[in-house]
Structure formats: C-alpha cells, structure tokens
C-alpha cells in the first residue's frame, strides 16, 4: 500500500482499475481469456475454470471473484479476494527478460528464439519458469549440448498455450504443453508440482499476472 500512499493520482488509477464504465457484466457473461477494459484505460483478463467435481471459478488477473452478481441501483458489484494491484506490466517474455531471478532462462529463451514468442500479445501463455537456483541444480552440461531444436523443445515443455492461474489446477490433471508433451499436476496441502517426462518441479512462486498470460516460478528445470 506504500505506493498508494504517495499520491491521490496513484490511488485514483488503482480504484479506476476496478471499474467498468458504460455497461454491467454479470458472471454468466464472463468468458475465458476475455479482455476487459477498465475505467483507467488499462486491460484486465478474465478466466473461467471448471475444475473436476467443482463449480466454476471466475478470476480477474488471477484474483478470485468470491461473491458474484451483487446488484446495485446503477450496476453490479463483483466481489474479489484482493486488490487488483500491482497492474500487469508487460508480457510473459518481458517479465522473464527483466527478472533478476531468471537470467539463465532469459538467455536460453533468446538462444532458442522463443523470447519474441512469449512477448506476442496476440497469444496467451502460462510459463512455469525455473529460477536461476533451479538451473544450478540442472545438468547444464547436457543442456548446453542441445541444438536449437532440442533446446526449444525443452523450454516449450515449461509452456502451456493458454492462461492457467493456480486456481485452475486440480490433482492429477493432465495438460498438453507447447512441446506436445503431457504435463501432470500434483496438487496437495503442500502446494502444486508439475511433472513432465518423470521430472518434477515445485511451484514456489505462483500467479504473476502478465498482459498475455501468467508466470509461475518453479524450483527445477523439467529436463533429465
């Protein structure tokens, strides 16, 4: 909240980021990956998930809508679980490019010519991003031997071609990665892990909203 206390302009911007002007949006109208423009001229992303044996989950920038469709005289209030702040600032690729914790991943994405893909604002991505600490535990000798095609496949097994915030995941869920391999989710009281080709990474820093998706930091590289 310190940033908000520095001036009314910032507070106004944040408050306007919670308002849609000119029309009302009911929960039945919400669509997955829908872009919604807010009063401060910035965009939000709606996601609608249907976990197995559970009701629909609605999120805005990865924040849960906890109580939907509260009608008012001049509109409707969708109650959410926290403030929509900070704003998503850049693409999935941008987040990694400027992250102090993902310098190795950033370099490999550049080498494989995938950084521009993750900066594409016409596509949606989920990236499970190994940290620099994760790469220190990996077999970098073998990774450095990979040609561009092989490296691209290894990196793309960390990418899902849609937006999946952690609320979307359920135990033993299978999702196809951008490398056309199956990712299995392990969800329990201890958190969330992802498994590809019998290699497991623990999600230790989830739900970093971006303008074209979301980044979840993981503690292992999904590479034998």
Protein backbone atom coordinates (compact mmCIF):
# COMPACT_ATOMS: atom_id res chain seq x y z
CA UNK A 1 0.00 0.00 0.00
CA UNK A 2 3.03 2.34 0.24
CA UNK A 3 2.77 3.13 -3.47
CA UNK A 4 -0.85 4.15 -3.00
CA UNK A 5 0.00 6.47 -0.12
CA UNK A 6 2.39 8.56 -2.24
CA UNK A 7 -0.36 10.43 -4.08
CA UNK A 8 -4.03 10.56 -4.97
CA UNK A 9 -3.27 10.05 -8.67
CA UNK A 10 -1.95 6.56 -8.00
CA UNK A 11 -4.87 5.76 -5.71
CA UNK A 12 -7.32 7.04 -8.33
CA UNK A 13 -5.66 4.91 -11.00
CA UNK A 14 -5.95 1.79 -8.84
CA UNK A 15 -9.57 2.47 -7.95
CA UNK A 16 -10.49 3.07 -11.59
CA UNK A 17 -8.82 -0.24 -12.45
CA UNK A 18 -11.70 -1.89 -10.59
CA UNK A 19 -14.48 -0.22 -12.58
CA UNK A 20 -16.06 -1.00 -15.95
CA UNK A 21 -17.97 2.01 -17.24
CA UNK A 22 -20.95 2.12 -19.58
CA UNK A 23 -22.36 -1.36 -19.05
CA UNK A 24 -22.74 -4.10 -16.46
CA UNK A 25 -21.11 -7.52 -16.63
CA UNK A 26 -22.81 -10.46 -14.95
CA UNK A 27 -20.94 -13.67 -14.16
CA UNK A 28 -22.92 -15.56 -16.82
CA UNK A 29 -21.46 -13.18 -19.41
CA UNK A 30 -17.82 -13.84 -18.47
CA UNK A 31 -15.74 -15.82 -20.96
CA UNK A 32 -12.35 -17.46 -20.57
CA UNK A 33 -9.42 -15.31 -21.77
CA UNK A 34 -11.77 -12.34 -22.22
CA UNK A 35 -10.05 -8.94 -22.21
CA UNK A 36 -12.00 -6.28 -20.31
CA UNK A 37 -11.08 -2.60 -20.49
CA UNK A 38 -11.30 -0.72 -17.21
CA UNK A 39 -12.08 2.92 -16.42
CA UNK A 40 -8.36 3.83 -16.25
CA UNK A 41 -7.87 2.64 -19.86
CA UNK A 42 -5.90 -0.46 -18.78
CA UNK A 43 -6.97 -4.00 -19.59
CA UNK A 44 -7.77 -6.93 -17.32
CA UNK A 45 -8.06 -10.60 -18.26
CA UNK A 46 -10.98 -12.77 -17.21
CA UNK A 47 -10.52 -16.51 -16.80
CA UNK A 48 -13.22 -19.10 -16.20
CA UNK A 49 -12.17 -22.51 -14.92
CA UNK A 50 -14.16 -25.68 -14.33
CA UNK A 51 -12.10 -27.98 -12.08
CA UNK A 52 -13.19 -31.60 -11.87
CA UNK A 53 -16.09 -32.16 -9.44
CA UNK A 54 -16.30 -28.46 -8.57
CA UNK A 55 -18.21 -25.37 -9.57
CA UNK A 56 -16.94 -22.74 -11.95
CA UNK A 57 -14.13 -20.49 -10.77
CA UNK A 58 -14.03 -16.92 -12.08
CA UNK A 59 -10.86 -14.84 -11.87
CA UNK A 60 -9.75 -11.40 -13.00
CA UNK A 61 -5.98 -11.10 -13.43
CA UNK A 62 -5.78 -14.28 -11.36
CA UNK A 63 -7.77 -12.81 -8.45
CA UNK A 64 -10.82 -14.81 -7.39
CA UNK A 65 -14.32 -13.42 -7.80
CA UNK A 66 -15.61 -14.56 -4.42
CA UNK A 67 -19.20 -13.28 -4.50
CA UNK A 68 -20.73 -12.65 -7.89
CA UNK A 69 -23.59 -10.54 -9.21
CA UNK A 70 -24.35 -8.22 -6.30
CA UNK A 71 -26.91 -5.96 -7.96
CA UNK A 72 -26.98 -2.22 -7.26
CA UNK A 73 -29.23 0.60 -8.46
CA UNK A 74 -26.72 1.67 -11.10
CA UNK A 75 -24.88 -1.55 -11.90
CA UNK A 76 -23.45 -4.68 -10.34
CA UNK A 77 -20.63 -5.45 -7.90
CA UNK A 78 -18.38 -8.47 -8.36
CA UNK A 79 -16.64 -9.05 -5.02
CA UNK A 80 -12.98 -10.12 -5.33
CA UNK A 81 -10.48 -11.58 -2.90
CA UNK A 82 -7.86 -8.82 -3.06
CA UNK A 83 -6.96 -5.51 -4.70
CA UNK A 84 -6.04 -5.63 -8.40
CA UNK A 85 -2.60 -4.18 -7.81
CA UNK A 86 0.14 -4.07 -8.99
CA UNK A 87 -1.04 -3.89 -12.60
CA UNK A 88 0.29 -6.46 -15.08
CA UNK A 89 3.25 -4.66 -16.63
CA UNK A 90 4.47 -6.38 -19.76
CA UNK A 91 4.23 -9.76 -21.39
CA UNK A 92 5.35 -13.17 -20.14
CA UNK A 93 8.56 -12.67 -22.11
CA UNK A 94 9.09 -9.20 -20.66
CA UNK A 95 8.70 -10.47 -17.10
CA UNK A 96 11.43 -13.08 -17.63
CA UNK A 97 13.68 -10.70 -19.58
CA UNK A 98 13.80 -8.20 -16.72
CA UNK A 99 13.63 -10.64 -13.80
CA UNK A 100 16.68 -10.78 -11.53
CA UNK A 101 15.80 -14.39 -10.66
CA UNK A 102 15.54 -15.74 -14.22
CA UNK A 103 18.70 -14.61 -16.02
CA UNK A 104 19.61 -18.12 -17.19
CA UNK A 105 16.13 -18.82 -18.51
CA UNK A 106 16.10 -15.45 -20.28
CA UNK A 107 19.38 -16.23 -22.03
CA UNK A 108 18.18 -19.67 -23.15
CA UNK A 109 14.89 -18.26 -24.46
CA UNK A 110 16.89 -15.76 -26.51
CA UNK A 111 19.19 -18.51 -27.80
CA UNK A 112 16.21 -20.66 -28.85
CA UNK A 113 14.50 -17.61 -30.40
CA UNK A 114 11.48 -18.08 -28.11
CA UNK A 115 11.59 -14.77 -26.26
CA UNK A 116 9.72 -12.99 -29.05
CA UNK A 117 7.10 -15.76 -28.98
CA UNK A 118 6.44 -15.13 -25.28
CA UNK A 119 6.25 -11.39 -25.99
CA UNK A 120 3.48 -11.90 -28.55
CA UNK A 121 0.39 -10.09 -27.31
CA UNK A 122 -1.96 -11.94 -29.68
CA UNK A 123 -1.38 -15.25 -27.86
CA UNK A 124 -1.91 -16.36 -24.26
CA UNK A 125 0.68 -18.35 -22.31
CA UNK A 126 1.38 -19.96 -18.97
CA UNK A 127 5.09 -20.28 -18.21
CA UNK A 128 6.49 -22.47 -15.44
CA UNK A 129 9.75 -20.57 -15.07
CA UNK A 130 12.78 -22.28 -13.50
CA UNK A 131 14.74 -19.82 -11.40
CA UNK A 132 18.50 -19.35 -11.61
CA UNK A 133 18.73 -21.50 -8.47
CA UNK A 134 16.84 -24.24 -10.33
CA UNK A 135 19.32 -24.13 -13.21
CA UNK A 136 22.20 -24.54 -10.74
CA UNK A 137 20.66 -27.92 -9.85
CA UNK A 138 20.20 -28.90 -13.51
CA UNK A 139 22.54 -30.78 -15.83
CA UNK A 140 23.80 -27.68 -17.63
CA UNK A 141 26.49 -29.68 -19.42
CA UNK A 142 23.79 -31.60 -21.28
CA UNK A 143 21.57 -28.54 -21.74
CA UNK A 144 24.45 -26.64 -23.36
CA UNK A 145 24.96 -29.52 -25.81
CA UNK A 146 21.42 -29.21 -27.18
CA UNK A 147 20.94 -27.81 -30.65
CA UNK A 148 18.36 -25.06 -31.18
CA UNK A 149 15.54 -27.50 -31.98
CA UNK A 150 16.25 -29.67 -28.94
CA UNK A 151 16.60 -26.65 -26.66
CA UNK A 152 13.35 -25.22 -27.96
CA UNK A 153 11.53 -28.46 -27.09
CA UNK A 154 12.95 -28.48 -23.56
CA UNK A 155 11.91 -24.87 -22.98
CA UNK A 156 8.46 -25.32 -24.51
CA UNK A 157 7.68 -28.17 -22.11
CA UNK A 158 7.54 -25.40 -19.49
CA UNK A 159 4.87 -23.54 -21.50
CA UNK A 160 1.11 -24.04 -21.73
CA UNK A 161 -0.71 -22.40 -24.67
CA UNK A 162 -3.37 -20.70 -22.54
CA UNK A 163 -3.70 -18.93 -19.18
CA UNK A 164 -3.74 -21.21 -16.14
CA UNK A 165 -3.64 -19.50 -12.77
CA UNK A 166 -3.11 -21.82 -9.81
CA UNK A 167 -6.86 -21.81 -9.11
CA UNK A 168 -7.33 -23.81 -12.32
CA UNK A 169 -5.25 -26.77 -11.19
CA UNK A 170 -6.56 -29.94 -9.62
CA UNK A 171 -4.73 -33.10 -8.56
CA UNK A 172 -3.71 -35.50 -11.33
CA UNK A 173 -4.83 -33.07 -14.04
CA UNK A 174 -3.15 -33.59 -17.43
CA UNK A 175 -2.45 -30.66 -19.77
CA UNK A 176 -0.68 -30.65 -23.14
CA UNK A 177 2.38 -28.40 -23.19
CA UNK A 178 3.57 -26.28 -26.10
CA UNK A 179 6.14 -29.03 -26.78
CA UNK A 180 3.27 -31.50 -27.32
CA UNK A 181 4.15 -33.42 -24.15
CA UNK A 182 1.83 -34.22 -21.27
CA UNK A 183 2.19 -32.23 -18.06
CA UNK A 184 0.65 -33.77 -14.93
CA UNK A 185 -0.30 -31.57 -11.98
CA UNK A 186 0.17 -32.76 -8.40
CA UNK A 187 -1.97 -30.67 -6.05
CA UNK A 188 -1.96 -31.23 -2.29
CA UNK A 189 -1.77 -29.50 1.06
CA UNK A 190 1.91 -28.80 0.41
CA UNK A 191 1.26 -26.90 -2.80
CA UNK A 192 1.49 -27.61 -6.51
CA UNK A 193 4.06 -29.54 -8.52
CA UNK A 194 4.29 -30.12 -12.27
CA UNK A 195 5.65 -33.28 -13.89
CA UNK A 196 6.81 -33.72 -17.48
CA UNK A 197 8.64 -36.86 -18.61
CA UNK A 198 9.03 -38.02 -14.98
CA UNK A 199 10.76 -34.78 -13.98
CA UNK A 200 9.06 -32.77 -11.23
CA UNK A 201 9.19 -29.09 -10.39
CA UNK A 202 7.57 -27.45 -7.38
CA UNK A 203 5.69 -24.19 -7.90
CA UNK A 204 7.27 -21.93 -5.28
CA UNK A 205 6.09 -18.52 -6.50
CA UNK A 206 2.81 -18.63 -8.44
CA UNK A 207 0.40 -16.29 -10.20
CA UNK A 208 2.47 -13.47 -11.67
CA UNK A 209 -0.04 -11.81 -13.99
CA UNK A 210 1.18 -10.56 -17.37
CA UNK A 211 -0.56 -8.83 -20.25
CA UNK A 212 -0.56 -12.06 -22.26
CA UNK A 213 -0.62 -14.73 -19.57
CA UNK A 214 0.85 -15.78 -16.25
CA UNK A 215 4.21 -16.92 -14.87
CA UNK A 216 4.70 -19.48 -12.09
CA UNK A 217 8.26 -19.82 -10.77
CA UNK A 218 9.42 -23.41 -10.19
CA UNK A 219 12.40 -24.91 -8.37
CA UNK A 220 13.53 -27.42 -11.00
CA UNK A 221 14.22 -27.49 -14.72
CA UNK A 222 11.98 -30.06 -16.43
CA UNK A 223 14.94 -31.84 -18.00
CA UNK A 224 16.67 -35.05 -17.03
